[in-house]
C-alpha atoms as a PDB file:
ATOM      1  CA  UNK A   1     -26.751  37.532  97.896  1.00  0.00           C
ATOM      2  CA  UNK A   2     -25.141  39.389 100.790  1.00  0.00           C
ATOM      3  CA  UNK A   3     -26.532  38.306 104.127  1.00  0.00           C
ATOM      4  CA  UNK A   4     -26.591  40.528 107.180  1.00  0.00           C
ATOM      5  CA  UNK A   5     -27.640  40.160 110.801  1.00  0.00           C
ATOM      6  CA  UNK A   6     -29.467  42.846 112.714  1.00  0.00           C
ATOM      7  CA  UNK A   7     -28.014  43.844 116.086  1.00  0.00           C
ATOM      8  CA  UNK A   8     -29.095  41.330 118.744  1.00  0.00           C
ATOM      9  CA  UNK A   9     -30.416  38.884 116.140  1.00  0.00           C
ATOM     10  CA  UNK A  10     -27.629  36.469 117.100  1.00  0.00           C
ATOM     11  CA  UNK A  11     -28.031  34.688 120.429  1.00  0.00           C
ATOM     12  CA  UNK A  12     -24.920  33.130 121.947  1.00  0.00           C
ATOM     13  CA  UNK A  13     -25.641  29.833 123.710  1.00  0.00           C
ATOM     14  CA  UNK A  14     -23.657  29.657 126.936  1.00  0.00           C
ATOM     15  CA  UNK A  15     -23.654  25.865 127.168  1.00  0.00           C
ATOM     16  CA  UNK A  16     -20.962  25.884 129.818  1.00  0.00           C
ATOM     17  CA  UNK A  17     -20.567  24.577 133.362  1.00  0.00           C
ATOM     18  CA  UNK A  18     -19.388  27.574 135.336  1.00  0.00           C
ATOM     19  CA  UNK A  19     -19.574  31.332 135.581  1.00  0.00           C
ATOM     20  CA  UNK A  20     -15.801  31.449 135.236  1.00  0.00           C
ATOM     21  CA  UNK A  21     -16.123  29.920 131.759  1.00  0.00           C
ATOM     22  CA  UNK A  22     -19.012  32.247 130.982  1.00  0.00           C
ATOM     23  CA  UNK A  23     -17.007  35.305 132.019  1.00  0.00           C
ATOM     24  CA  UNK A  24     -14.266  34.494 129.521  1.00  0.00           C
ATOM     25  CA  UNK A  25     -16.774  34.416 126.669  1.00  0.00           C
ATOM     26  CA  UNK A  26     -18.937  37.387 127.582  1.00  0.00           C
ATOM     27  CA  UNK A  27     -15.890  39.594 128.114  1.00  0.00           C
ATOM     28  CA  UNK A  28     -15.503  39.378 124.324  1.00  0.00           C
ATOM     29  CA  UNK A  29     -19.140  40.205 123.529  1.00  0.00           C
ATOM     30  CA  UNK A  30     -20.846  43.542 122.957  1.00  0.00           C
ATOM     31  CA  UNK A  31     -24.208  43.643 124.758  1.00  0.00           C
ATOM     32  CA  UNK A  32     -25.556  45.933 122.029  1.00  0.00           C
ATOM     33  CA  UNK A  33     -24.871  43.317 119.348  1.00  0.00           C
ATOM     34  CA  UNK A  34     -25.622  39.970 121.000  1.00  0.00           C
ATOM     35  CA  UNK A  35     -28.149  38.349 123.294  1.00  0.00           C
ATOM     36  CA  UNK A  36     -27.320  35.320 125.451  1.00  0.00           C
ATOM     37  CA  UNK A  37     -28.932  31.942 126.008  1.00  0.00           C
ATOM     38  CA  UNK A  38     -28.770  30.074 129.305  1.00  0.00           C
ATOM     39  CA  UNK A  39     -29.814  26.442 129.030  1.00  0.00           C
ATOM     40  CA  UNK A  40     -30.114  23.456 131.309  1.00  0.00           C
ATOM     41  CA  UNK A  41     -26.359  22.892 131.559  1.00  0.00           C
ATOM     42  CA  UNK A  42     -25.474  26.286 133.009  1.00  0.00           C
ATOM     43  CA  UNK A  43     -28.732  26.737 134.928  1.00  0.00           C
ATOM     44  CA  UNK A  44     -28.412  23.418 136.759  1.00  0.00           C
ATOM     45  CA  UNK A  45     -24.810  24.248 137.595  1.00  0.00           C
ATOM     46  CA  UNK A  46     -25.076  27.887 138.645  1.00  0.00           C
ATOM     47  CA  UNK A  47     -28.810  28.527 139.040  1.00  0.00           C
ATOM     48  CA  UNK A  48     -30.502  31.946 138.960  1.00  0.00           C
ATOM     49  CA  UNK A  49     -27.260  33.743 139.790  1.00  0.00           C
ATOM     50  CA  UNK A  50     -26.185  33.117 136.179  1.00  0.00           C
ATOM     51  CA  UNK A  51     -29.177  35.140 134.986  1.00  0.00           C
ATOM     52  CA  UNK A  52     -28.523  37.834 137.571  1.00  0.00           C
ATOM     53  CA  UNK A  53     -24.879  38.200 136.556  1.00  0.00           C
ATOM     54  CA  UNK A  54     -25.652  38.481 132.843  1.00  0.00           C
ATOM     55  CA  UNK A  55     -28.533  40.899 133.416  1.00  0.00           C
ATOM     56  CA  UNK A  56     -26.385  43.084 135.665  1.00  0.00           C
ATOM     57  CA  UNK A  57     -23.919  43.352 132.775  1.00  0.00           C
ATOM     58  CA  UNK A  58     -26.691  44.604 130.514  1.00  0.00           C
ATOM     59  CA  UNK A  59     -27.291  41.477 128.432  1.00  0.00           C
ATOM     60  CA  UNK A  60     -30.774  40.304 127.476  1.00  0.00           C
ATOM     61  CA  UNK A  61     -31.178  36.615 128.348  1.00  0.00           C
ATOM     62  CA  UNK A  62     -33.100  33.782 126.734  1.00  0.00           C
ATOM     63  CA  UNK A  63     -33.676  31.129 129.417  1.00  0.00           C
ATOM     64  CA  UNK A  64     -33.949  27.860 127.506  1.00  0.00           C
ATOM     65  CA  UNK A  65     -35.399  25.229 129.850  1.00  0.00           C
ATOM     66  CA  UNK A  66     -38.038  23.777 127.475  1.00  0.00           C
ATOM     67  CA  UNK A  67     -40.620  23.437 130.242  1.00  0.00           C
ATOM     68  CA  UNK A  68     -42.770  20.320 129.756  1.00  0.00           C
ATOM     69  CA  UNK A  69     -44.891  19.122 132.670  1.00  0.00           C
ATOM     70  CA  UNK A  70     -48.435  19.266 133.991  1.00  0.00           C
ATOM     71  CA  UNK A  71     -50.008  22.734 133.497  1.00  0.00           C
ATOM     72  CA  UNK A  72     -49.871  23.768 137.161  1.00  0.00           C
ATOM     73  CA  UNK A  73     -46.183  22.932 137.502  1.00  0.00           C
ATOM     74  CA  UNK A  74     -45.224  24.763 134.317  1.00  0.00           C
ATOM     75  CA  UNK A  75     -47.298  27.816 135.269  1.00  0.00           C
ATOM     76  CA  UNK A  76     -45.599  28.120 138.655  1.00  0.00           C
ATOM     77  CA  UNK A  77     -42.166  27.685 137.078  1.00  0.00           C
ATOM     78  CA  UNK A  78     -42.967  30.400 134.531  1.00  0.00           C
ATOM     79  CA  UNK A  79     -43.893  32.812 137.318  1.00  0.00           C
ATOM     80  CA  UNK A  80     -40.485  32.214 138.882  1.00  0.00           C
ATOM     81  CA  UNK A  81     -38.757  32.630 135.518  1.00  0.00           C
ATOM     82  CA  UNK A  82     -40.618  35.882 134.931  1.00  0.00           C
ATOM     83  CA  UNK A  83     -39.372  37.186 138.273  1.00  0.00           C
ATOM     84  CA  UNK A  84     -35.801  36.617 137.082  1.00  0.00           C
ATOM     85  CA  UNK A  85     -36.334  39.313 134.455  1.00  0.00           C
ATOM     86  CA  UNK A  86     -35.391  37.302 131.388  1.00  0.00           C
ATOM     87  CA  UNK A  87     -36.094  38.567 127.874  1.00  0.00           C
ATOM     88  CA  UNK A  88     -37.403  35.263 126.504  1.00  0.00           C
ATOM     89  CA  UNK A  89     -38.139  31.715 127.662  1.00  0.00           C
ATOM     90  CA  UNK A  90     -39.743  28.592 126.222  1.00  0.00           C
ATOM     91  CA  UNK A  91     -42.101  25.705 126.806  1.00  0.00           C
ATOM     92  CA  UNK A  92     -42.434  22.440 124.913  1.00  0.00           C
ATOM     93  CA  UNK A  93     -45.485  22.423 122.653  1.00  0.00           C
ATOM     94  CA  UNK A  94     -45.887  18.679 123.144  1.00  0.00           C
ATOM     95  CA  UNK A  95     -47.107  19.555 126.631  1.00  0.00           C
ATOM     96  CA  UNK A  96     -50.520  20.072 125.050  1.00  0.00           C
ATOM     97  CA  UNK A  97     -53.176  22.764 124.696  1.00  0.00           C
ATOM     98  CA  UNK A  98     -53.981  23.203 128.393  1.00  0.00           C
ATOM     99  CA  UNK A  99     -50.358  23.557 129.413  1.00  0.00           C
ATOM    100  CA  UNK A 100     -49.655  26.019 126.601  1.00  0.00           C
ATOM    101  CA  UNK A 101     -52.765  28.119 127.250  1.00  0.00           C
ATOM    102  CA  UNK A 102     -52.104  28.379 130.982  1.00  0.00           C
ATOM    103  CA  UNK A 103     -48.500  29.351 130.257  1.00  0.00           C
ATOM    104  CA  UNK A 104     -49.653  32.153 127.963  1.00  0.00           C
ATOM    105  CA  UNK A 105     -52.041  33.400 130.659  1.00  0.00           C
ATOM    106  CA  UNK A 106     -49.191  33.588 133.169  1.00  0.00           C
ATOM    107  CA  UNK A 107     -47.285  35.896 130.835  1.00  0.00           C
ATOM    108  CA  UNK A 108     -50.352  38.002 130.012  1.00  0.00           C
ATOM    109  CA  UNK A 109     -51.029  38.564 133.702  1.00  0.00           C
ATOM    110  CA  UNK A 110     -47.438  39.526 134.501  1.00  0.00           C
ATOM    111  CA  UNK A 111     -46.451  43.168 134.853  1.00  0.00           C
ATOM    112  CA  UNK A 112     -43.304  42.934 132.724  1.00  0.00           C
ATOM    113  CA  UNK A 113     -43.107  41.697 129.152  1.00  0.00           C
ATOM    114  CA  UNK A 114     -41.396  38.391 128.426  1.00  0.00           C
ATOM    115  CA  UNK A 115     -41.410  36.587 125.088  1.00  0.00           C
ATOM    116  CA  UNK A 116     -42.787  33.044 125.276  1.00  0.00           C
ATOM    117  CA  UNK A 117     -41.912  30.663 122.478  1.00  0.00           C
ATOM    118  CA  UNK A 118     -42.736  27.011 121.951  1.00  0.00           C
ATOM    119  CA  UNK A 119     -40.328  24.207 121.192  1.00  0.00           C
ATOM    120  CA  UNK A 120     -41.662  22.197 118.260  1.00  0.00           C
ATOM    121  CA  UNK A 121     -39.475  19.246 117.216  1.00  0.00           C
ATOM    122  CA  UNK A 122     -35.903  19.071 118.496  1.00  0.00           C
ATOM    123  CA  UNK A 123     -33.452  19.620 115.657  1.00  0.00           C
ATOM    124  CA  UNK A 124     -31.585  16.499 116.806  1.00  0.00           C
ATOM    125  CA  UNK A 125     -34.561  14.354 115.706  1.00  0.00           C
ATOM    126  CA  UNK A 126     -35.210  13.089 112.192  1.00  0.00           C
ATOM    127  CA  UNK A 127     -37.985  10.901 110.765  1.00  0.00           C
ATOM    128  CA  UNK A 128     -36.387   7.673 112.050  1.00  0.00           C
ATOM    129  CA  UNK A 129     -36.043   9.058 115.581  1.00  0.00           C
ATOM    130  CA  UNK A 130     -39.638  10.268 115.532  1.00  0.00           C
ATOM    131  CA  UNK A 131     -40.960   6.888 114.407  1.00  0.00           C
ATOM    132  CA  UNK A 132     -39.084   5.250 117.286  1.00  0.00           C
ATOM    133  CA  UNK A 133     -41.145   7.281 119.760  1.00  0.00           C
ATOM    134  CA  UNK A 134     -44.445   6.760 117.996  1.00  0.00           C
ATOM    135  CA  UNK A 135     -44.713   9.696 115.586  1.00  0.00           C
ATOM    136  CA  UNK A 136     -45.337   8.655 112.002  1.00  0.00           C
ATOM    137  CA  UNK A 137     -45.386  12.093 110.427  1.00  0.00           C
ATOM    138  CA  UNK A 138     -42.356  13.784 108.968  1.00  0.00           C
ATOM    139  CA  UNK A 139     -40.541  16.238 111.217  1.00  0.00           C
ATOM    140  CA  UNK A 140     -41.653  19.045 108.908  1.00  0.00           C
ATOM    141  CA  UNK A 141     -45.359  18.166 109.174  1.00  0.00           C
ATOM    142  CA  UNK A 142     -45.157  17.722 112.930  1.00  0.00           C
ATOM    143  CA  UNK A 143     -43.475  21.110 113.309  1.00  0.00           C
ATOM    144  CA  UNK A 144     -46.330  22.792 111.429  1.00  0.00           C
ATOM    145  CA  UNK A 145     -48.957  20.985 113.523  1.00  0.00           C
ATOM    146  CA  UNK A 146     -47.273  21.986 116.785  1.00  0.00           C
ATOM    147  CA  UNK A 147     -46.686  25.544 115.603  1.00  0.00           C
ATOM    148  CA  UNK A 148     -50.393  25.810 114.730  1.00  0.00           C
ATOM    149  CA  UNK A 149     -51.313  24.647 118.229  1.00  0.00           C
ATOM    150  CA  UNK A 150     -48.921  27.145 119.770  1.00  0.00           C
ATOM    151  CA  UNK A 151     -50.186  29.984 117.595  1.00  0.00           C
ATOM    152  CA  UNK A 152     -53.811  29.190 118.471  1.00  0.00           C
ATOM    153  CA  UNK A 153     -52.932  29.222 122.174  1.00  0.00           C
ATOM    154  CA  UNK A 154     -51.097  32.534 121.933  1.00  0.00           C
ATOM    155  CA  UNK A 155     -47.356  31.821 122.079  1.00  0.00           C
ATOM    156  CA  UNK A 156     -45.154  34.413 120.389  1.00  0.00           C
ATOM    157  CA  UNK A 157     -43.309  31.977 118.144  1.00  0.00           C
ATOM    158  CA  UNK A 158     -41.423  28.708 117.913  1.00  0.00           C
ATOM    159  CA  UNK A 159     -38.023  27.112 118.074  1.00  0.00           C
ATOM    160  CA  UNK A 160     -37.547  25.269 114.792  1.00  0.00           C
ATOM    161  CA  UNK A 161     -34.968  24.139 112.273  1.00  0.00           C
ATOM    162  CA  UNK A 162     -33.729  26.439 109.541  1.00  0.00           C
ATOM    163  CA  UNK A 163     -35.571  24.301 106.987  1.00  0.00           C
ATOM    164  CA  UNK A 164     -38.913  24.969 108.719  1.00  0.00           C
ATOM    165  CA  UNK A 165     -38.687  28.765 108.819  1.00  0.00           C
ATOM    166  CA  UNK A 166     -40.176  29.520 105.395  1.00  0.00           C
ATOM    167  CA  UNK A 167     -43.159  27.208 105.910  1.00  0.00           C
ATOM    168  CA  UNK A 168     -43.856  28.652 109.356  1.00  0.00           C
ATOM    169  CA  UNK A 169     -43.687  32.232 108.134  1.00  0.00           C
ATOM    170  CA  UNK A 170     -45.996  31.508 105.186  1.00  0.00           C
ATOM    171  CA  UNK A 171     -48.447  29.597 107.402  1.00  0.00           C
ATOM    172  CA  UNK A 172     -48.565  31.864 110.448  1.00  0.00           C
ATOM    173  CA  UNK A 173     -47.304  35.261 109.325  1.00  0.00           C
ATOM    174  CA  UNK A 174     -44.118  37.237 109.560  1.00  0.00           C
ATOM    175  CA  UNK A 175     -44.794  38.349 113.137  1.00  0.00           C
ATOM    176  CA  UNK A 176     -44.699  34.759 114.426  1.00  0.00           C
ATOM    177  CA  UNK A 177     -41.163  34.502 115.787  1.00  0.00           C
ATOM    178  CA  UNK A 178     -38.776  31.792 114.617  1.00  0.00           C
ATOM    179  CA  UNK A 179     -35.696  30.884 116.642  1.00  0.00           C
ATOM    180  CA  UNK A 180     -33.230  28.532 114.963  1.00  0.00           C
ATOM    181  CA  UNK A 181     -30.769  26.625 117.187  1.00  0.00           C
ATOM    182  CA  UNK A 182     -27.519  24.907 116.344  1.00  0.00           C
ATOM    183  CA  UNK A 183     -26.610  27.455 113.676  1.00  0.00           C
ATOM    184  CA  UNK A 184     -22.992  27.443 112.571  1.00  0.00           C
ATOM    185  CA  UNK A 185     -20.680  29.687 110.604  1.00  0.00           C
ATOM    186  CA  UNK A 186     -19.833  26.675 108.446  1.00  0.00           C
ATOM    187  CA  UNK A 187     -22.016  23.866 107.083  1.00  0.00           C
ATOM    188  CA  UNK A 188     -20.605  21.273 109.506  1.00  0.00           C
ATOM    189  CA  UNK A 189     -22.644  20.170 112.506  1.00  0.00           C
ATOM    190  CA  UNK A 190     -22.422  17.662 115.326  1.00  0.00           C
ATOM    191  CA  UNK A 191     -25.759  16.443 116.662  1.00  0.00           C
ATOM    192  CA  UNK A 192     -28.206  18.905 115.111  1.00  0.00           C
ATOM    193  CA  UNK A 193     -29.545  16.755 112.262  1.00  0.00           C
ATOM    194  CA  UNK A 194     -31.895  19.407 110.923  1.00  0.00           C
ATOM    195  CA  UNK A 195     -29.682  22.448 111.165  1.00  0.00           C
ATOM    196  CA  UNK A 196     -27.551  24.540 108.835  1.00  0.00           C
ATOM    197  CA  UNK A 197     -25.373  27.583 108.417  1.00  0.00           C
ATOM    198  CA  UNK A 198     -25.980  31.095 109.637  1.00  0.00           C
ATOM    199  CA  UNK A 199     -26.166  32.183 106.007  1.00  0.00           C
ATOM    200  CA  UNK A 200     -29.094  29.819 105.372  1.00  0.00           C
ATOM    201  CA  UNK A 201     -30.828  30.985 108.540  1.00  0.00           C
ATOM    202  CA  UNK A 202     -30.673  34.622 107.490  1.00  0.00           C
ATOM    203  CA  UNK A 203     -31.678  33.837 103.903  1.00  0.00           C
ATOM    204  CA  UNK A 204     -34.751  31.863 104.999  1.00  0.00           C
ATOM    205  CA  UNK A 205     -35.866  34.624 107.364  1.00  0.00           C
ATOM    206  CA  UNK A 206     -35.091  33.339 110.857  1.00  0.00           C
ATOM    207  CA  UNK A 207     -35.775  36.030 113.442  1.00  0.00           C
ATOM    208  CA  UNK A 208     -33.101  34.812 115.855  1.00  0.00           C
ATOM    209  CA  UNK A 209     -30.135  32.515 115.288  1.00  0.00           C
ATOM    210  CA  UNK A 210     -28.538  30.601 118.138  1.00  0.00           C
ATOM    211  CA  UNK A 211     -24.802  29.952 117.952  1.00  0.00           C
ATOM    212  CA  UNK A 212     -23.150  27.789 120.567  1.00  0.00           C
ATOM    213  CA  UNK A 213     -20.252  25.384 120.565  1.00  0.00           C
ATOM    214  CA  UNK A 214     -18.616  26.730 117.428  1.00  0.00           C
ATOM    215  CA  UNK A 215     -17.929  29.828 119.485  1.00  0.00           C
ATOM    216  CA  UNK A 216     -17.731  28.607 123.074  1.00  0.00           C
ATOM    217  CA  UNK A 217     -15.513  25.623 122.212  1.00  0.00           C
ATOM    218  CA  UNK A 218     -13.397  27.414 119.616  1.00  0.00           C
ATOM    219  CA  UNK A 219      -9.625  27.611 120.006  1.00  0.00           C
ATOM    220  CA  UNK A 220      -9.989  31.319 119.290  1.00  0.00           C
ATOM    221  CA  UNK A 221     -13.468  32.546 120.315  1.00  0.00           C
ATOM    222  CA  UNK A 222     -12.507  36.145 119.564  1.00  0.00           C
ATOM    223  CA  UNK A 223     -11.987  35.246 115.913  1.00  0.00           C
ATOM    224  CA  UNK A 224     -15.455  33.672 115.662  1.00  0.00           C
ATOM    225  CA  UNK A 225     -16.989  36.752 117.292  1.00  0.00           C
ATOM    226  CA  UNK A 226     -15.142  38.976 114.837  1.00  0.00           C
ATOM    227  CA  UNK A 227     -16.696  37.036 111.935  1.00  0.00           C
ATOM    228  CA  UNK A 228     -20.143  37.374 113.486  1.00  0.00           C
ATOM    229  CA  UNK A 229     -19.729  41.096 114.057  1.00  0.00           C
ATOM    230  CA  UNK A 230     -18.807  41.486 110.384  1.00  0.00           C
ATOM    231  CA  UNK A 231     -22.280  40.171 109.487  1.00  0.00           C
ATOM    232  CA  UNK A 232     -24.118  42.662 111.695  1.00  0.00           C
ATOM    233  CA  UNK A 233     -25.581  45.793 110.112  1.00  0.00           C
END
């Protein structure tokens, strides 16, 4: 089966330390084909100016901070994130019903649209890791439970592993967004235990695929981008 990406379905994770490094990567990217992800590494190094620079260049930005705190703190942080003009951001669903519901209300009461997704179970965690922190369900079952909580509270979708996409879509409908991190052009991976290839992600129906170090740490990033562009309709 031939697999294809839609324009902007691929999100490039800018897990870098400086805007100089970022500039080298984004100079190779077409804003009409790719979105960008700013996570804790870049945001703690460069702050909101990273978002401003990328937005000024016409890129849509996913701010990936996985907010997880008391409801009031998360709500205030979300208001600030909204003011940055990002396309999408996330909260951790383990923050509980009150935190999630108040987060959704912040977005509903904001004048500009922003997608809010929930982090379910980190793809770096497997059953052994979960048992070490007191969870005795499988990662797959816990993902479904957390996704159900998020859906009930009104989030737009979830961050999940490739292997969870089909179950989430069948349980919560095709409109419930799935974002799959740690996706690679090859089957190899480093610390994403429940991840896979971009081909699997597309086949299983992931709405957005996040590609990071395979591109940003590549000896020839332009070659990786060329391969990605070849998959885009």
